[in-house]
Amino acid sequence: MKAIYPGTFDPITIGHLDIIKRAAKIFDDLTIAIAENPSKKPLFSHTERKDLVTKSIKEYPEIDHKKINIVKFSGLLVDFAAQNNISVLIRGLRAISDFEYEFQMSCMNNKLNSNIQTIFLPASDQVQFISSRFVKQIASLNGDIKSLVSKAVAEVIYQKITEN
């Protein structure tokens, strides 16, 4: 069975990587779909985010890389999933506050295409507090983010924040 894990991944965190690792154990094929979402005003370009996701996943040998496909997309996720014969959407939940938004999103996706199901994976307790927003905030204040992101992200984020 094929699944898709969408997100802006700006930047990818170890929380995202935890969901990827666990989803790759469940599904035969896992597409990591990097959304182009200009309304979020991403720090990294669409191409940079894809590159960081690719590099970050390679740092984790426990992730079965043969099952992973990393793509960029724009538009409706359910359309992209249907065009690629993907029937399951993976969404990570960090806290109860995530659930309300994610539940509404899954209901809307189901309304748009009832053949695509959403599965929620709760974040592991070691990473449930991590968000890309917090990572960028901490990095912008010269805080240490090495335990929150992959080595690939840690190497470039301070420079990127300084440029902007």
Protein backbone atom coordinates (compact mmCIF):
# COMPACT_ATOMS: atom_id res chain seq x y z
CA MET A 1 0.00 0.00 0.00
CA LYS A 2 1.14 3.50 -0.87
CA ALA A 3 1.01 6.44 1.54
CA ILE A 4 1.92 10.10 1.40
CA TYR A 5 3.30 12.29 4.18
CA PRO A 6 2.80 15.91 3.15
CA GLY A 7 4.18 19.05 4.72
CA THR A 8 6.06 22.25 4.11
CA PHE A 9 9.08 20.89 6.02
CA ASP A 10 10.49 24.39 6.56
CA PRO A 11 12.74 22.94 7.84
CA ILE A 12 12.38 19.22 8.38
CA THR A 13 12.83 18.35 12.08
CA ILE A 14 13.61 15.16 13.96
CA GLY A 15 9.87 15.06 14.73
CA HIS A 16 9.13 14.78 11.00
CA LEU A 17 11.86 12.16 10.68
CA ASP A 18 10.29 10.16 13.50
CA ILE A 19 6.96 10.06 11.62
CA ILE A 20 8.76 9.13 8.37
CA LYS A 21 10.66 6.30 10.07
CA ARG A 22 7.49 4.88 11.61
CA ALA A 23 5.35 5.29 8.47
CA ALA A 24 8.03 3.57 6.35
CA LYS A 25 7.68 0.52 8.60
CA ILE A 26 3.92 0.39 7.97
CA PHE A 27 3.65 1.12 4.24
CA ASP A 28 5.30 -0.45 1.20
CA ASP A 29 5.82 2.91 -0.48
CA LEU A 30 6.01 6.31 1.23
CA THR A 31 5.99 9.58 -0.66
CA ILE A 32 7.26 12.62 1.21
CA ALA A 33 5.41 15.48 -0.47
CA ILE A 34 6.90 18.91 0.04
CA ALA A 35 4.15 21.48 -0.35
CA GLU A 36 4.61 24.80 -2.00
CA ASN A 37 2.70 27.07 0.36
CA PRO A 38 3.63 30.73 -0.20
CA SER A 39 1.11 31.85 2.44
CA LYS A 40 3.40 30.38 5.11
CA LYS A 41 6.32 32.49 3.82
CA PRO A 42 8.89 29.70 4.04
CA LEU A 43 12.47 30.39 5.03
CA PHE A 44 13.76 27.85 2.51
CA SER A 45 12.79 27.61 -1.16
CA HIS A 46 10.81 24.64 -2.42
CA THR A 47 13.99 23.16 -3.94
CA GLU A 48 16.06 23.79 -0.80
CA ARG A 49 13.44 22.05 1.35
CA LYS A 50 13.45 19.01 -0.96
CA ASP A 51 17.25 18.90 -0.76
CA LEU A 52 17.20 19.16 3.06
CA VAL A 53 14.59 16.40 3.34
CA THR A 54 16.69 14.16 1.07
CA LYS A 55 19.90 14.82 3.02
CA SER A 56 18.17 14.46 6.39
CA ILE A 57 16.64 11.08 5.55
CA LYS A 58 20.05 9.80 4.43
CA GLU A 59 21.38 10.53 7.94
CA TYR A 60 19.01 7.91 9.38
CA PRO A 61 20.08 4.38 8.38
CA GLU A 62 17.06 2.88 10.17
CA ILE A 63 14.79 4.45 7.52
CA ASP A 64 14.32 2.11 4.57
CA HIS A 65 15.38 4.52 1.83
CA LYS A 66 14.16 2.19 -0.93
CA LYS A 67 10.57 2.81 0.20
CA ILE A 68 10.87 6.61 0.16
CA ASN A 69 10.07 8.92 -2.73
CA ILE A 70 10.60 12.66 -2.15
CA VAL A 71 8.65 15.04 -4.38
CA LYS A 72 7.59 18.67 -4.56
CA PHE A 73 3.95 19.50 -5.19
CA SER A 74 1.49 22.36 -5.31
CA GLY A 75 -2.27 22.36 -5.48
CA LEU A 76 -4.70 20.06 -3.71
CA LEU A 77 -3.09 17.18 -1.89
CA VAL A 78 -5.95 14.78 -2.65
CA ASP A 79 -5.58 15.49 -6.37
CA PHE A 80 -1.84 14.86 -6.21
CA ALA A 81 -2.41 11.65 -4.24
CA ALA A 82 -5.07 10.39 -6.68
CA GLN A 83 -2.86 11.16 -9.70
CA ASN A 84 -0.12 9.06 -8.08
CA ASN A 85 -2.38 6.18 -6.99
CA ILE A 86 -1.84 6.94 -3.31
CA SER A 87 -4.73 6.03 -1.02
CA VAL A 88 -3.45 6.97 2.44
CA LEU A 89 -2.46 10.38 3.85
CA ILE A 90 -0.19 10.36 6.91
CA ARG A 91 -0.53 13.20 9.39
CA GLY A 92 1.52 13.59 12.54
CA LEU A 93 -0.04 14.84 15.75
CA ARG A 94 2.09 16.50 18.43
CA ALA A 95 -0.57 17.64 20.85
CA ILE A 96 -4.31 17.75 21.27
CA SER A 97 -4.24 21.24 19.73
CA ASP A 98 -3.04 19.71 16.43
CA PHE A 99 -5.98 17.32 16.40
CA GLU A 100 -8.73 19.87 15.77
CA TYR A 101 -7.04 21.33 12.66
CA GLU A 102 -5.95 17.92 11.36
CA PHE A 103 -9.38 16.41 11.93
CA GLN A 104 -11.04 19.22 9.99
CA MET A 105 -8.49 18.82 7.22
CA SER A 106 -9.10 15.06 7.03
CA CYS A 107 -12.87 15.63 6.83
CA MET A 108 -12.41 18.13 4.01
CA ASN A 109 -10.02 15.81 2.16
CA ASN A 110 -12.55 12.99 2.56
CA LYS A 111 -15.26 15.26 1.12
CA LEU A 112 -13.02 16.04 -1.87
CA ASN A 113 -12.02 12.39 -2.43
CA SER A 114 -13.52 9.64 -0.29
CA ASN A 115 -11.11 7.06 -1.76
CA ILE A 116 -8.20 8.61 0.14
CA GLN A 117 -8.03 7.95 3.87
CA THR A 118 -6.12 9.88 6.55
CA ILE A 119 -4.15 8.09 9.24
CA PHE A 120 -2.90 10.04 12.26
CA LEU A 121 0.41 9.06 13.84
CA PRO A 122 1.02 10.60 17.25
CA ALA A 123 4.48 12.03 17.74
CA SER A 124 6.81 10.05 19.94
CA ASP A 125 7.12 11.56 23.40
CA GLN A 126 10.78 12.47 22.77
CA VAL A 127 9.88 14.77 19.86
CA GLN A 128 6.30 15.93 20.41
CA PHE A 129 7.36 19.44 21.45
CA ILE A 130 9.36 20.14 18.28
CA SER A 131 8.00 22.32 15.50
CA SER A 132 9.66 23.96 12.51
CA ARG A 133 8.43 27.32 13.82
CA PHE A 134 10.23 26.81 17.16
CA VAL A 135 13.39 25.63 15.39
CA LYS A 136 13.48 28.81 13.27
CA GLN A 137 12.78 30.98 16.31
CA ILE A 138 15.53 29.36 18.38
CA ALA A 139 18.01 29.55 15.49
CA SER A 140 17.18 33.23 14.89
CA LEU A 141 18.18 33.90 18.51
CA ASN A 142 21.43 31.92 18.08
CA GLY A 143 20.12 29.05 20.19
CA ASP A 144 21.35 25.49 19.83
CA ILE A 145 19.09 23.45 17.54
CA LYS A 146 21.39 20.46 16.96
CA SER A 147 19.16 18.13 18.98
CA LEU A 148 16.04 19.27 17.08
CA VAL A 149 17.08 18.84 13.44
CA SER A 150 19.36 16.74 11.28
CA LYS A 151 22.99 17.67 10.78
CA ALA A 152 22.15 18.84 7.24
CA VAL A 153 19.59 21.35 8.53
CA ALA A 154 21.74 22.52 11.42
CA GLU A 155 24.57 23.31 9.00
CA VAL A 156 22.53 25.70 6.84
CA ILE A 157 19.79 27.25 8.94
CA TYR A 158 21.88 29.89 10.76
CA GLN A 159 23.29 31.11 7.46
CA LYS A 160 19.85 31.21 5.88
CA ILE A 161 18.38 33.17 8.79
CA THR A 162 21.25 35.67 8.61
CA GLU A 163 20.58 36.20 4.88
CA ASN A 164 16.92 37.05 5.47
